Amino acid sequence: MRLIALGLAALSFATCAPAPAAPAQAPDIDWFIQRQNTHADGSTVQLQVNSRWGGDGTSMWGSDYRLAELQGLSPAQVTGPTGPVGFAIVREAGRLDCSGLAGQLIGNGRCSFTANAAFSDYLAARGMGRPSLRQSYTLTMSRVGRELIDALDSLGYAKPDVDQLAAMGIHGVSPAFVRELAQQGYRLKSGDELVNFKIHGVDADYIRGLAAIGPQFHRFAADDLVSMKIHGVKPAYVQAMAAIGPAFAQLTADDLVSFAIHGAKPDMVQAFARYGRGPLKADDVTAMAIHGVTGSFISEMAALGYKAFTADELVQMRIHGVSPAFVRSLQVHGMKDLSADQLVRLRISGFEPKAR
């Protein structure tokens, strides 16, 4: 009776216990060696790896691989006659074991993926979560390992979770990238900000290029750097603007972004510095750019004898259609030395000297 009771108790416990999670479905993985960018000596190949995850989508990874990264594949197999090959991509998060055909600088076949349980344990032990099979695959293909985690930790970054690590890997945030930013004085708040920098091309070279212009361009806020990069503000552009005069030596990120959005060119500001009148503020530059005041417009007006317009007068003339051609036609008919206000009023009234 005791044995029967114990058996019933065990059956009751098994019935009430939650069912174990279904194992993740293995991905369907293909590989291709493409002739483009594959070296003639077989030392480097362009490898593309495509995976399909059932209802969980697909992924495609393409990169140039040194043959040393493809364990078991030799240069002779890549360059010689087509034949069967086998190789492995082994990284901290997992490994791909691949087989197929290769030769004459091309190849294709199939792969299987195995996550590294020790690396999954390492992430879980550090409070980052345990990666799914798909996340382990992403970490493997993007080369995310302990070095990136150590770099983030040593520089005081908030601890990333597995999703953030995967995003950093997908977008190419490497340990070197993290350290180079830190050397330029940028230790960002999170992995998400690192991804944002990488997506928009904010790197150590960009920061160094700005800093070389002058100390005032050395410590932009992280968000400002991203905004400047998005809108195409290049160090050469900033340098050209800053060199125009003292008023432009302290330009803010907002000024530079506004200039770039509205197409303000250094040659327009330089022309105003030569021929205009009065101080020129950043808002004046933006207003002139918005209303189509260009360097050539200012220079053409100067060639007609007008060398002392203010920024506001130039804007008003452009708004109302006062062009060098219109001014030239007035001068031909003896109407010279007119003020900006007179030119605008004549244009507004529809005055046409040729008709008189």
Protein backbone atom coordinates (compact mmCIF):
# COMPACT_ATOMS: atom_id res chain seq x y z
CA MET A 1 0.00 0.00 0.00
CA ARG A 2 2.87 2.40 0.80
CA LEU A 3 4.45 1.76 -2.59
CA ILE A 4 1.12 2.38 -4.28
CA ALA A 5 0.65 5.65 -2.34
CA LEU A 6 4.12 6.86 -3.25
CA GLY A 7 3.44 6.04 -6.86
CA LEU A 8 0.19 7.98 -6.81
CA ALA A 9 1.91 10.95 -5.18
CA ALA A 10 4.62 10.95 -7.83
CA LEU A 11 1.99 10.76 -10.56
CA SER A 12 0.10 13.66 -9.02
CA PHE A 13 3.29 15.76 -8.83
CA ALA A 14 4.19 15.03 -12.45
CA THR A 15 0.70 15.97 -13.55
CA CYS A 16 0.81 19.34 -11.76
CA ALA A 17 4.36 20.30 -12.71
CA PRO A 18 4.74 22.70 -15.70
CA ALA A 19 5.63 21.07 -18.99
CA PRO A 20 9.27 21.63 -20.03
CA ALA A 21 9.80 24.31 -22.69
CA ALA A 22 9.98 22.95 -26.19
CA PRO A 23 13.53 22.94 -27.53
CA ALA A 24 14.32 25.75 -29.96
CA GLN A 25 13.99 24.72 -33.57
CA ALA A 26 17.34 24.36 -35.27
CA PRO A 27 17.88 26.96 -38.00
CA ASP A 28 18.25 26.12 -41.66
CA ILE A 29 21.67 27.57 -42.62
CA ASP A 30 23.32 27.93 -46.05
CA TRP A 31 26.78 29.28 -46.87
CA PHE A 32 28.21 30.76 -50.07
CA ILE A 33 31.70 31.79 -51.08
CA GLN A 34 31.41 34.58 -53.65
CA ARG A 35 34.09 35.37 -56.19
CA GLN A 36 33.90 39.13 -55.60
CA ASN A 37 36.49 40.14 -52.97
CA THR A 38 37.77 36.57 -52.68
CA HIS A 39 41.54 36.75 -53.09
CA ALA A 40 43.07 34.91 -56.02
CA ASP A 41 45.42 33.04 -53.66
CA GLY A 42 42.51 31.90 -51.47
CA SER A 43 43.88 33.59 -48.34
CA THR A 44 40.68 35.63 -47.88
CA VAL A 45 37.18 34.74 -49.03
CA GLN A 46 33.91 36.62 -49.16
CA LEU A 47 31.57 34.38 -47.20
CA GLN A 48 27.83 34.85 -46.91
CA VAL A 49 25.87 32.85 -44.35
CA ASN A 50 22.07 32.84 -44.55
CA SER A 51 19.83 31.40 -41.84
CA ARG A 52 16.10 30.74 -41.63
CA TRP A 53 14.42 30.35 -38.26
CA GLY A 54 10.97 29.11 -39.10
CA GLY A 55 8.44 31.68 -37.93
CA ASP A 56 11.20 33.72 -36.28
CA GLY A 57 12.51 35.27 -39.50
CA THR A 58 15.75 35.13 -41.40
CA SER A 59 19.22 36.62 -41.19
CA MET A 60 22.08 37.18 -43.61
CA TRP A 61 25.70 37.72 -42.63
CA GLY A 62 28.28 38.62 -45.24
CA SER A 63 31.90 39.48 -44.62
CA ASP A 64 35.47 38.96 -45.79
CA TYR A 65 37.02 36.09 -43.83
CA ARG A 66 40.67 35.27 -43.50
CA LEU A 67 41.01 31.56 -44.14
CA ALA A 68 42.41 31.11 -40.64
CA GLU A 69 38.90 31.90 -39.36
CA LEU A 70 37.41 29.00 -41.34
CA GLN A 71 38.95 26.03 -39.58
CA GLY A 72 39.53 23.11 -41.96
CA LEU A 73 39.39 25.05 -45.25
CA SER A 74 42.62 25.40 -47.20
CA PRO A 75 43.64 27.85 -49.95
CA ALA A 76 44.05 24.92 -52.35
CA GLN A 77 40.41 23.94 -51.78
CA VAL A 78 39.28 27.49 -52.54
CA THR A 79 41.40 28.01 -55.65
CA GLY A 80 41.64 24.49 -57.05
CA PRO A 81 39.13 22.20 -58.76
CA THR A 82 35.66 21.99 -57.24
CA GLY A 83 35.42 19.34 -54.55
CA PRO A 84 33.91 18.53 -51.14
CA VAL A 85 34.97 20.72 -48.20
CA GLY A 86 34.26 21.04 -44.51
CA PHE A 87 35.09 23.89 -42.15
CA ALA A 88 34.06 25.42 -38.85
CA ILE A 89 33.59 28.95 -37.55
CA VAL A 90 34.37 28.77 -33.84
CA ARG A 91 33.74 31.70 -31.51
CA GLU A 92 33.01 32.24 -27.84
CA ALA A 93 29.21 32.23 -28.19
CA GLY A 94 29.00 29.16 -30.43
CA ARG A 95 30.19 27.40 -33.55
CA LEU A 96 29.06 26.68 -37.09
CA ASP A 97 30.05 23.40 -38.69
CA CYS A 98 29.77 23.66 -42.45
CA SER A 99 30.13 21.31 -45.39
CA GLY A 100 29.58 21.49 -49.14
CA LEU A 101 31.51 22.12 -52.33
CA ALA A 102 34.20 24.73 -53.08
CA GLY A 103 36.74 25.50 -55.78
CA GLN A 104 37.63 28.05 -58.44
CA LEU A 105 37.02 30.84 -55.87
CA ILE A 106 33.37 29.97 -55.22
CA GLY A 107 31.50 27.52 -53.00
CA ASN A 108 28.26 26.66 -51.25
CA GLY A 109 26.78 24.24 -48.79
CA ARG A 110 25.03 23.81 -45.46
CA CYS A 111 25.86 24.49 -41.80
CA SER A 112 24.68 23.43 -38.37
CA PHE A 113 24.92 25.69 -35.32
CA THR A 114 25.77 24.78 -31.74
CA ALA A 115 25.58 27.34 -28.94
CA ASN A 116 28.39 27.37 -26.40
CA ALA A 117 26.76 26.46 -23.09
CA ALA A 118 29.76 27.79 -21.14
CA PHE A 119 29.36 31.25 -22.68
CA SER A 120 25.61 31.21 -22.00
CA ASP A 121 26.41 30.35 -18.36
CA TYR A 122 28.95 33.20 -18.27
CA LEU A 123 26.34 35.74 -19.41
CA ALA A 124 23.72 34.42 -17.01
CA ALA A 125 26.18 34.47 -14.09
CA ARG A 126 26.94 38.15 -14.78
CA GLY A 127 23.25 39.05 -14.73
CA MET A 128 22.89 39.65 -18.47
CA GLY A 129 20.42 36.87 -19.09
CA ARG A 130 20.69 33.54 -20.82
CA PRO A 131 20.65 33.88 -24.62
CA SER A 132 18.19 32.00 -26.77
CA LEU A 133 19.55 29.85 -29.59
CA ARG A 134 18.85 32.68 -32.04
CA GLN A 135 20.64 35.19 -29.79
CA SER A 136 23.62 32.85 -29.40
CA TYR A 137 23.79 32.60 -33.19
CA THR A 138 23.72 36.40 -33.52
CA LEU A 139 26.45 36.80 -30.89
CA THR A 140 28.53 34.18 -32.71
CA MET A 141 28.20 35.69 -36.15
CA SER A 142 28.85 39.23 -34.86
CA ARG A 143 31.96 38.15 -32.88
CA VAL A 144 30.62 39.30 -29.52
CA GLY A 145 32.64 37.81 -26.69
CA ARG A 146 34.14 38.43 -23.30
CA GLU A 147 36.45 41.17 -24.62
CA LEU A 148 33.54 43.49 -25.44
CA ILE A 149 31.89 42.80 -22.10
CA ASP A 150 35.15 43.46 -20.26
CA ALA A 151 35.69 46.71 -22.19
CA LEU A 152 32.21 47.95 -21.26
CA ASP A 153 32.69 46.93 -17.64
CA SER A 154 36.13 48.54 -17.31
CA LEU A 155 34.81 51.85 -18.64
CA GLY A 156 31.82 51.98 -16.31
CA TYR A 157 29.02 51.26 -18.78
CA ALA A 158 25.68 50.04 -17.52
CA LYS A 159 25.49 46.28 -17.73
CA PRO A 160 23.92 45.32 -21.07
CA ASP A 161 21.38 42.55 -21.42
CA VAL A 162 21.56 39.90 -24.12
CA ASP A 163 19.38 41.90 -26.52
CA GLN A 164 21.68 44.91 -26.20
CA LEU A 165 24.76 42.76 -26.72
CA ALA A 166 23.19 41.30 -29.85
CA ALA A 167 22.33 44.80 -31.14
CA MET A 168 25.90 45.95 -30.52
CA GLY A 169 27.19 42.97 -32.45
CA ILE A 170 24.81 43.47 -35.36
CA HIS A 171 25.87 47.10 -35.77
CA GLY A 172 29.59 46.49 -35.35
CA VAL A 173 30.25 47.88 -31.87
CA SER A 174 33.63 46.34 -31.13
CA PRO A 175 35.92 46.53 -28.09
CA ALA A 176 38.26 48.77 -30.11
CA PHE A 177 35.37 51.12 -30.96
CA VAL A 178 34.41 51.42 -27.30
CA ARG A 179 37.99 52.08 -26.19
CA GLU A 180 38.72 54.61 -28.95
CA LEU A 181 35.67 56.65 -27.97
CA ALA A 182 36.82 56.59 -24.36
CA GLN A 183 40.25 57.85 -25.40
CA GLN A 184 38.48 60.84 -26.97
CA GLY A 185 36.62 61.50 -23.74
CA TYR A 186 33.36 59.77 -24.61
CA ARG A 187 32.14 57.16 -22.17
CA LEU A 188 28.49 56.93 -23.09
CA LYS A 189 25.62 56.01 -20.81
CA SER A 190 24.66 52.68 -22.33
CA GLY A 191 25.11 50.12 -25.06
CA ASP A 192 22.13 51.70 -26.83
CA GLU A 193 24.07 54.96 -27.19
CA LEU A 194 27.05 53.05 -28.57
CA VAL A 195 24.76 51.48 -31.17
CA ASN A 196 23.38 54.92 -32.03
CA PHE A 197 26.91 56.26 -32.53
CA LYS A 198 27.81 53.30 -34.74
CA ILE A 199 24.63 53.48 -36.83
CA HIS A 200 25.19 57.16 -37.64
CA GLY A 201 28.95 57.00 -38.13
CA VAL A 202 30.07 58.91 -35.06
CA ASP A 203 33.52 57.48 -34.42
CA ALA A 204 36.89 58.53 -33.03
CA ASP A 205 38.02 59.93 -36.39
CA TYR A 206 34.97 62.22 -36.56
CA ILE A 207 35.52 63.44 -33.00
CA ARG A 208 39.24 64.00 -33.62
CA GLY A 209 38.46 65.94 -36.80
CA LEU A 210 36.24 68.36 -34.88
CA ALA A 211 38.65 68.70 -31.97
CA ALA A 212 41.51 69.58 -34.33
CA ILE A 213 39.66 72.77 -35.35
CA GLY A 214 39.91 74.20 -31.85
CA PRO A 215 39.20 73.40 -28.21
CA GLN A 216 35.71 74.87 -28.48
CA PHE A 217 34.78 72.01 -30.82
CA HIS A 218 36.15 69.27 -28.59
CA ARG A 219 33.32 68.42 -26.21
CA PHE A 220 30.00 68.26 -28.00
CA ALA A 221 27.29 66.32 -26.20
CA ALA A 222 26.71 62.79 -27.47
CA ASP A 223 23.26 63.66 -28.85
CA ASP A 224 24.71 66.71 -30.62
CA LEU A 225 27.35 64.59 -32.34
CA VAL A 226 24.68 62.22 -33.61
CA SER A 227 22.53 65.11 -34.84
CA MET A 228 25.49 66.73 -36.60
CA LYS A 229 26.40 63.46 -38.31
CA ILE A 230 22.80 62.81 -39.39
CA HIS A 231 22.63 66.22 -41.05
CA GLY A 232 25.99 65.95 -42.78
CA VAL A 233 28.04 68.38 -40.68
CA LYS A 234 31.62 67.43 -41.56
CA PRO A 235 34.80 68.65 -39.83
CA ALA A 236 35.93 70.38 -43.04
CA TYR A 237 32.64 72.32 -43.11
CA VAL A 238 33.00 73.36 -39.47
CA GLN A 239 36.58 74.45 -40.08
CA ALA A 240 35.59 76.55 -43.10
CA MET A 241 32.88 78.28 -41.08
CA ALA A 242 35.05 78.80 -38.01
CA ALA A 243 37.84 80.35 -40.08
CA ILE A 244 35.62 83.17 -41.37
CA GLY A 245 36.00 85.32 -38.29
CA PRO A 246 35.74 85.63 -34.50
CA ALA A 247 31.94 85.60 -34.59
CA PHE A 248 32.07 82.05 -35.96
CA ALA A 249 34.67 80.67 -33.59
CA GLN A 250 32.05 79.68 -31.01
CA LEU A 251 29.41 78.01 -33.14
CA THR A 252 27.14 75.58 -31.30
CA ALA A 253 25.96 72.20 -32.52
CA ASP A 254 22.48 73.69 -33.05
CA ASP A 255 23.98 76.44 -35.22
CA LEU A 256 25.91 73.95 -37.35
CA VAL A 257 22.93 71.63 -37.75
CA SER A 258 20.70 74.54 -38.73
CA PHE A 259 23.29 75.68 -41.29
CA ALA A 260 23.48 72.20 -42.77
CA ILE A 261 19.70 71.68 -42.87
CA HIS A 262 19.15 74.93 -44.74
CA GLY A 263 22.17 74.65 -47.01
CA ALA A 264 24.25 77.54 -45.67
CA LYS A 265 27.56 77.51 -47.54
CA PRO A 266 30.87 78.90 -46.33
CA ASP A 267 31.25 80.88 -49.55
CA MET A 268 28.04 82.79 -48.76
CA VAL A 269 29.37 83.79 -45.33
CA GLN A 270 32.77 84.64 -46.81
CA ALA A 271 31.12 86.85 -49.44
CA PHE A 272 29.17 88.67 -46.74
CA ALA A 273 32.38 89.16 -44.75
CA ARG A 274 33.91 90.85 -47.82
CA TYR A 275 30.96 92.90 -49.04
CA GLY A 276 28.28 93.03 -46.32
CA ARG A 277 27.66 95.49 -43.51
CA GLY A 278 27.35 94.93 -39.81
CA PRO A 279 27.91 91.90 -37.59
CA LEU A 280 26.68 88.56 -38.85
CA LYS A 281 25.09 86.21 -36.31
CA ALA A 282 24.34 82.52 -36.72
CA ASP A 283 20.61 83.28 -37.06
CA ASP A 284 21.41 85.66 -39.94
CA VAL A 285 23.29 82.91 -41.75
CA THR A 286 20.32 80.55 -41.40
CA ALA A 287 17.84 83.21 -42.56
CA MET A 288 19.95 84.06 -45.63
CA ALA A 289 20.27 80.38 -46.51
CA ILE A 290 16.52 79.79 -46.11
CA HIS A 291 15.70 82.65 -48.48
CA GLY A 292 18.29 81.81 -51.12
CA VAL A 293 21.01 84.36 -50.44
CA THR A 294 24.11 82.79 -51.93
CA GLY A 295 27.73 83.77 -52.23
CA SER A 296 27.27 84.41 -55.93
CA PHE A 297 24.25 86.67 -55.27
CA ILE A 298 26.25 88.82 -52.84
CA SER A 299 29.26 88.94 -55.17
CA GLU A 300 27.17 89.87 -58.22
CA MET A 301 25.47 92.66 -56.29
CA ALA A 302 28.90 93.88 -55.12
CA ALA A 303 30.09 93.94 -58.74
CA LEU A 304 27.17 96.29 -59.47
CA GLY A 305 28.38 98.66 -56.76
CA TYR A 306 26.36 97.38 -53.82
CA LYS A 307 28.85 96.49 -51.09
CA ALA A 308 27.19 97.45 -47.85
CA PHE A 309 23.95 95.53 -47.48
CA THR A 310 22.99 94.08 -44.10
CA ALA A 311 21.90 90.47 -43.75
CA ASP A 312 18.27 91.56 -43.35
CA GLU A 313 18.43 93.73 -46.50
CA LEU A 314 19.82 90.81 -48.50
CA VAL A 315 17.01 88.59 -47.22
CA GLN A 316 14.35 91.16 -48.10
CA MET A 317 15.71 91.53 -51.61
CA ARG A 318 15.66 87.79 -52.19
CA ILE A 319 12.15 87.47 -50.76
CA HIS A 320 10.82 90.09 -53.17
CA GLY A 321 12.77 88.99 -56.24
CA VAL A 322 15.41 91.71 -56.47
CA SER A 323 18.00 90.06 -58.68
CA PRO A 324 21.30 91.26 -60.15
CA ALA A 325 19.59 91.26 -63.55
CA PHE A 326 16.85 93.57 -62.24
CA VAL A 327 19.42 95.94 -60.70
CA ARG A 328 21.45 95.90 -63.92
CA SER A 329 18.38 96.86 -65.96
CA LEU A 330 17.72 99.80 -63.62
CA GLN A 331 21.30 101.01 -63.97
CA VAL A 332 21.10 100.85 -67.75
CA HIS A 333 18.23 103.32 -67.50
CA GLY A 334 20.16 105.66 -65.22
CA MET A 335 18.74 104.50 -61.91
CA LYS A 336 21.88 104.04 -59.86
CA ASP A 337 22.84 104.15 -56.18
CA LEU A 338 19.44 103.00 -55.00
CA SER A 339 19.05 101.72 -51.44
CA ALA A 340 17.94 98.21 -50.61
CA ASP A 341 14.55 99.55 -49.54
CA GLN A 342 14.13 101.43 -52.84
CA LEU A 343 15.05 98.34 -54.84
CA VAL A 344 12.50 96.26 -52.91
CA ARG A 345 9.71 98.86 -53.32
CA LEU A 346 10.34 99.12 -57.05
CA ARG A 347 10.18 95.34 -57.37
CA ILE A 348 7.01 95.08 -55.26
CA SER A 349 5.31 97.76 -57.37
CA GLY A 350 6.07 95.83 -60.55
CA PHE A 351 8.30 98.56 -61.97
CA GLU A 352 9.98 97.46 -65.19
CA PRO A 353 12.44 99.99 -66.65
CA LYS A 354 12.43 98.35 -70.07
CA ALA A 355 8.75 99.09 -70.45
CA ARG A 356 9.23 102.86 -70.09
